[in-house]
Amino acid sequence: MYAKLTKLIKENNELYNKINLEVHDAETNKEDENTINELKHQRWQLIHDYATAVSDFLLMNMLELEKNDLTALDLVPYTVWKKVPEKTIIIIDAIHNMK
């Protein structure tokens, strides 16, 4: 499960890094506000989609996940992690404490 979770995280991290760079470049190059706002909205949407993907993966695989699989979650950016639903975090804590 670690490999599957890491793959999911790495794929999303690539997208997250790309959109962050695009926002940074747009702000640095002083592009028009509409462009910057659109990029920020895309980043916001990606953060929510990424958090949902992590949550869905953990919920769908909770019976197969082991404590050591959860170390992959260290790769999730904090901005994304804080959007993961509380219910999922409770399940993660349960897996961590049980196995």
N, C-alpha and C. Protein backbone atom coordinates (compact mmCIF):
# COMPACT_ATOMS: atom_id res chain seq x y z
N MET A 1 0.82 -1.20 0.00
CA MET A 1 0.00 0.00 0.00
C MET A 1 0.87 1.26 0.00
N TYR A 2 2.05 1.16 0.60
CA TYR A 2 2.95 2.32 0.65
C TYR A 2 3.28 2.82 -0.75
N ALA A 3 3.57 1.90 -1.66
CA ALA A 3 3.94 2.29 -3.03
C ALA A 3 2.77 2.99 -3.73
N LYS A 4 1.57 2.48 -3.54
CA LYS A 4 0.40 3.09 -4.17
C LYS A 4 0.13 4.48 -3.59
N LEU A 5 0.24 4.59 -2.28
CA LEU A 5 0.01 5.87 -1.63
C LEU A 5 1.09 6.89 -2.03
N THR A 6 2.33 6.44 -2.07
CA THR A 6 3.43 7.33 -2.48
C THR A 6 3.24 7.80 -3.92
N LYS A 7 2.80 6.91 -4.79
CA LYS A 7 2.56 7.28 -6.20
C LYS A 7 1.49 8.36 -6.28
N LEU A 8 0.40 8.18 -5.57
CA LEU A 8 -0.68 9.17 -5.54
C LEU A 8 -0.16 10.52 -5.05
N ILE A 9 0.62 10.50 -3.99
CA ILE A 9 1.15 11.73 -3.41
C ILE A 9 2.14 12.41 -4.36
N LYS A 10 3.03 11.64 -4.95
CA LYS A 10 4.02 12.23 -5.87
C LYS A 10 3.35 12.86 -7.08
N GLU A 11 2.35 12.19 -7.63
CA GLU A 11 1.63 12.75 -8.79
C GLU A 11 0.96 14.07 -8.42
N ASN A 12 0.33 14.10 -7.26
CA ASN A 12 -0.33 15.33 -6.84
C ASN A 12 0.67 16.41 -6.45
N ASN A 13 1.81 16.02 -5.89
CA ASN A 13 2.84 17.01 -5.55
C ASN A 13 3.38 17.69 -6.80
N GLU A 14 3.49 16.94 -7.88
CA GLU A 14 3.94 17.54 -9.14
C GLU A 14 2.98 18.63 -9.59
N LEU A 15 1.69 18.33 -9.53
CA LEU A 15 0.67 19.32 -9.92
C LEU A 15 0.69 20.51 -8.96
N TYR A 16 0.82 20.22 -7.68
CA TYR A 16 0.84 21.26 -6.66
C TYR A 16 2.04 22.19 -6.86
N ASN A 17 3.21 21.62 -7.12
CA ASN A 17 4.40 22.43 -7.35
C ASN A 17 4.26 23.27 -8.62
N LYS A 18 3.68 22.68 -9.65
CA LYS A 18 3.50 23.39 -10.92
C LYS A 18 2.59 24.61 -10.75
N ILE A 19 1.46 24.44 -10.10
CA ILE A 19 0.53 25.56 -9.95
C ILE A 19 1.09 26.61 -9.00
N ASN A 20 1.83 26.20 -7.98
CA ASN A 20 2.46 27.18 -7.09
C ASN A 20 3.47 28.02 -7.85
N LEU A 21 4.25 27.39 -8.73
CA LEU A 21 5.22 28.12 -9.54
C LEU A 21 4.51 29.09 -10.49
N GLU A 22 3.40 28.65 -11.06
CA GLU A 22 2.65 29.52 -11.97
C GLU A 22 2.11 30.74 -11.24
N VAL A 23 1.59 30.55 -10.04
CA VAL A 23 1.09 31.68 -9.24
C VAL A 23 2.25 32.61 -8.90
N HIS A 24 3.35 32.04 -8.46
CA HIS A 24 4.53 32.84 -8.12
C HIS A 24 5.01 33.66 -9.32
N ASP A 25 5.12 33.02 -10.47
CA ASP A 25 5.59 33.70 -11.67
C ASP A 25 4.63 34.82 -12.08
N ALA A 26 3.33 34.55 -12.00
CA ALA A 26 2.34 35.56 -12.37
C ALA A 26 2.42 36.78 -11.45
N GLU A 27 2.60 36.52 -10.17
CA GLU A 27 2.72 37.63 -9.21
C GLU A 27 4.04 38.37 -9.40
N THR A 28 5.11 37.63 -9.63
CA THR A 28 6.43 38.25 -9.82
C THR A 28 6.46 39.10 -11.08
N ASN A 29 5.84 38.61 -12.14
CA ASN A 29 5.82 39.33 -13.41
C ASN A 29 4.70 40.36 -13.48
N LYS A 30 3.99 40.51 -12.36
CA LYS A 30 2.92 41.51 -12.25
C LYS A 30 1.90 41.39 -13.39
N GLU A 31 1.47 40.15 -13.60
CA GLU A 31 0.42 39.94 -14.60
C GLU A 31 -0.89 40.52 -14.09
N ASP A 32 -1.87 40.61 -14.98
CA ASP A 32 -3.13 41.24 -14.58
C ASP A 32 -3.83 40.43 -13.48
N GLU A 33 -4.63 41.13 -12.70
CA GLU A 33 -5.30 40.53 -11.55
C GLU A 33 -6.18 39.35 -11.92
N ASN A 34 -6.84 39.42 -13.07
CA ASN A 34 -7.70 38.31 -13.49
C ASN A 34 -6.90 37.03 -13.67
N THR A 35 -5.73 37.14 -14.27
CA THR A 35 -4.86 35.98 -14.47
C THR A 35 -4.41 35.42 -13.14
N ILE A 36 -3.95 36.29 -12.26
CA ILE A 36 -3.49 35.86 -10.93
C ILE A 36 -4.63 35.22 -10.15
N ASN A 37 -5.80 35.84 -10.17
CA ASN A 37 -6.94 35.29 -9.44
C ASN A 37 -7.37 33.93 -9.99
N GLU A 38 -7.31 33.77 -11.29
CA GLU A 38 -7.66 32.48 -11.91
C GLU A 38 -6.66 31.40 -11.49
N LEU A 39 -5.38 31.75 -11.50
CA LEU A 39 -4.36 30.78 -11.07
C LEU A 39 -4.52 30.43 -9.59
N LYS A 40 -4.83 31.42 -8.77
CA LYS A 40 -5.05 31.15 -7.34
C LYS A 40 -6.27 30.27 -7.13
N HIS A 41 -7.29 30.48 -7.94
CA HIS A 41 -8.48 29.62 -7.84
C HIS A 41 -8.13 28.19 -8.25
N GLN A 42 -7.34 28.05 -9.32
CA GLN A 42 -6.91 26.71 -9.74
C GLN A 42 -6.10 26.03 -8.64
N ARG A 43 -5.24 26.81 -7.97
CA ARG A 43 -4.46 26.25 -6.85
C ARG A 43 -5.37 25.81 -5.72
N TRP A 44 -6.34 26.66 -5.37
CA TRP A 44 -7.30 26.34 -4.31
C TRP A 44 -8.04 25.04 -4.65
N GLN A 45 -8.49 24.93 -5.91
CA GLN A 45 -9.21 23.72 -6.34
C GLN A 45 -8.31 22.50 -6.26
N LEU A 46 -7.07 22.63 -6.70
CA LEU A 46 -6.13 21.52 -6.65
C LEU A 46 -5.89 21.06 -5.21
N ILE A 47 -5.74 22.01 -4.30
CA ILE A 47 -5.53 21.67 -2.89
C ILE A 47 -6.70 20.84 -2.38
N HIS A 48 -7.91 21.26 -2.69
CA HIS A 48 -9.09 20.51 -2.24
C HIS A 48 -9.19 19.14 -2.92
N ASP A 49 -8.90 19.09 -4.20
CA ASP A 49 -8.94 17.80 -4.92
C ASP A 49 -7.87 16.85 -4.39
N TYR A 50 -6.70 17.37 -4.11
CA TYR A 50 -5.59 16.58 -3.57
C TYR A 50 -5.97 16.03 -2.20
N ALA A 51 -6.50 16.86 -1.33
CA ALA A 51 -6.91 16.42 0.00
C ALA A 51 -7.99 15.34 -0.09
N THR A 52 -8.90 15.52 -1.02
CA THR A 52 -9.97 14.53 -1.22
C THR A 52 -9.39 13.21 -1.73
N ALA A 53 -8.43 13.29 -2.64
CA ALA A 53 -7.82 12.06 -3.18
C ALA A 53 -7.09 11.29 -2.08
N VAL A 54 -6.36 12.00 -1.23
CA VAL A 54 -5.66 11.34 -0.11
C VAL A 54 -6.68 10.71 0.84
N SER A 55 -7.70 11.48 1.18
CA SER A 55 -8.73 10.98 2.09
C SER A 55 -9.44 9.76 1.52
N ASP A 56 -9.83 9.84 0.25
CA ASP A 56 -10.53 8.72 -0.39
C ASP A 56 -9.65 7.47 -0.40
N PHE A 57 -8.37 7.64 -0.73
CA PHE A 57 -7.46 6.51 -0.76
C PHE A 57 -7.38 5.86 0.62
N LEU A 58 -7.22 6.67 1.64
CA LEU A 58 -7.09 6.13 2.99
C LEU A 58 -8.36 5.44 3.46
N LEU A 59 -9.50 6.03 3.14
CA LEU A 59 -10.77 5.43 3.55
C LEU A 59 -11.06 4.14 2.79
N MET A 60 -10.74 4.11 1.50
CA MET A 60 -11.03 2.92 0.70
C MET A 60 -10.07 1.77 1.01
N ASN A 61 -8.91 2.10 1.56
CA ASN A 61 -7.90 1.07 1.82
C ASN A 61 -7.59 0.89 3.31
N MET A 62 -8.43 1.41 4.17
CA MET A 62 -8.10 1.42 5.60
C MET A 62 -7.89 0.03 6.19
N LEU A 63 -8.55 -0.97 5.65
CA LEU A 63 -8.39 -2.32 6.20
C LEU A 63 -7.06 -2.95 5.78
N GLU A 64 -6.48 -2.46 4.69
CA GLU A 64 -5.22 -3.01 4.19
C GLU A 64 -4.00 -2.20 4.65
N LEU A 65 -4.23 -0.97 5.06
CA LEU A 65 -3.12 -0.10 5.45
C LEU A 65 -2.49 -0.55 6.75
N GLU A 66 -1.19 -0.42 6.80
CA GLU A 66 -0.45 -0.72 8.02
C GLU A 66 0.23 0.55 8.50
N LYS A 67 0.65 0.51 9.72
CA LYS A 67 1.25 1.67 10.35
C LYS A 67 2.41 2.24 9.52
N ASN A 68 3.27 1.38 9.02
CA ASN A 68 4.43 1.86 8.27
C ASN A 68 4.04 2.48 6.92
N ASP A 69 2.87 2.15 6.38
CA ASP A 69 2.40 2.77 5.14
C ASP A 69 2.12 4.25 5.33
N LEU A 70 1.77 4.62 6.54
CA LEU A 70 1.37 5.99 6.83
C LEU A 70 2.53 6.98 6.78
N THR A 71 3.76 6.48 6.77
CA THR A 71 4.90 7.40 6.70
C THR A 71 4.90 8.16 5.37
N ALA A 72 4.24 7.63 4.36
CA ALA A 72 4.14 8.33 3.07
C ALA A 72 3.41 9.67 3.22
N LEU A 73 2.57 9.77 4.23
CA LEU A 73 1.82 11.00 4.43
C LEU A 73 2.70 12.18 4.79
N ASP A 74 3.94 11.91 5.21
CA ASP A 74 4.88 13.00 5.49
C ASP A 74 5.20 13.80 4.23
N LEU A 75 4.92 13.24 3.07
CA LEU A 75 5.20 13.91 1.80
C LEU A 75 4.09 14.89 1.37
N VAL A 76 2.97 14.85 2.06
CA VAL A 76 1.85 15.72 1.72
C VAL A 76 2.12 17.12 2.27
N PRO A 77 2.04 18.15 1.41
CA PRO A 77 2.27 19.52 1.90
C PRO A 77 1.26 19.90 2.99
N TYR A 78 1.73 20.70 3.93
CA TYR A 78 0.88 21.09 5.06
C TYR A 78 -0.41 21.77 4.59
N THR A 79 -0.30 22.62 3.58
CA THR A 79 -1.49 23.32 3.06
C THR A 79 -2.56 22.33 2.62
N VAL A 80 -2.14 21.23 2.05
CA VAL A 80 -3.08 20.19 1.62
C VAL A 80 -3.55 19.39 2.83
N TRP A 81 -2.61 19.01 3.69
CA TRP A 81 -2.93 18.16 4.83
C TRP A 81 -4.01 18.76 5.71
N LYS A 82 -3.96 20.08 5.92
CA LYS A 82 -4.94 20.70 6.82
C LYS A 82 -6.34 20.72 6.21
N LYS A 83 -6.47 20.35 4.94
CA LYS A 83 -7.78 20.25 4.29
C LYS A 83 -8.34 18.82 4.33
N VAL A 84 -7.54 17.86 4.78
CA VAL A 84 -8.01 16.48 4.89
C VAL A 84 -9.07 16.44 5.99
N PRO A 85 -10.22 15.82 5.72
CA PRO A 85 -11.30 15.80 6.71
C PRO A 85 -10.89 15.16 8.04
N GLU A 86 -11.45 15.67 9.10
CA GLU A 86 -11.17 15.19 10.46
C GLU A 86 -11.45 13.70 10.60
N LYS A 87 -12.51 13.23 9.94
CA LYS A 87 -12.87 11.81 10.00
C LYS A 87 -11.71 10.94 9.51
N THR A 88 -11.05 11.37 8.47
CA THR A 88 -9.92 10.63 7.92
C THR A 88 -8.75 10.63 8.91
N ILE A 89 -8.51 11.75 9.54
CA ILE A 89 -7.41 11.86 10.51
C ILE A 89 -7.66 10.94 11.70
N ILE A 90 -8.90 10.82 12.12
CA ILE A 90 -9.25 9.91 13.22
C ILE A 90 -8.94 8.46 12.82
N ILE A 91 -9.27 8.11 11.58
CA ILE A 91 -9.00 6.75 11.09
C ILE A 91 -7.49 6.51 11.01
N ILE A 92 -6.74 7.51 10.55
CA ILE A 92 -5.28 7.39 10.49
C ILE A 92 -4.71 7.15 11.89
N ASP A 93 -5.20 7.91 12.85
CA ASP A 93 -4.74 7.73 14.23
C ASP A 93 -5.06 6.33 14.74
N ALA A 94 -6.23 5.82 14.38
CA ALA A 94 -6.61 4.47 14.80
C ALA A 94 -5.68 3.43 14.18
N ILE A 95 -5.37 3.58 12.90
CA ILE A 95 -4.46 2.64 12.24
C ILE A 95 -3.09 2.73 12.90
N HIS A 96 -2.65 3.92 13.15
CA HIS A 96 -1.33 4.13 13.75
C HIS A 96 -1.24 3.48 15.14
N ASN A 97 -2.30 3.57 15.89
CA ASN A 97 -2.30 3.03 17.26
C ASN A 97 -2.59 1.54 17.32
N MET A 98 -3.24 0.96 16.32
CA MET A 98 -3.65 -0.43 16.38
C MET A 98 -2.59 -1.40 15.87
N LYS A 99 -1.86 -1.01 14.87
CA LYS A 99 -0.99 -1.99 14.21
C LYS A 99 0.46 -1.76 14.52
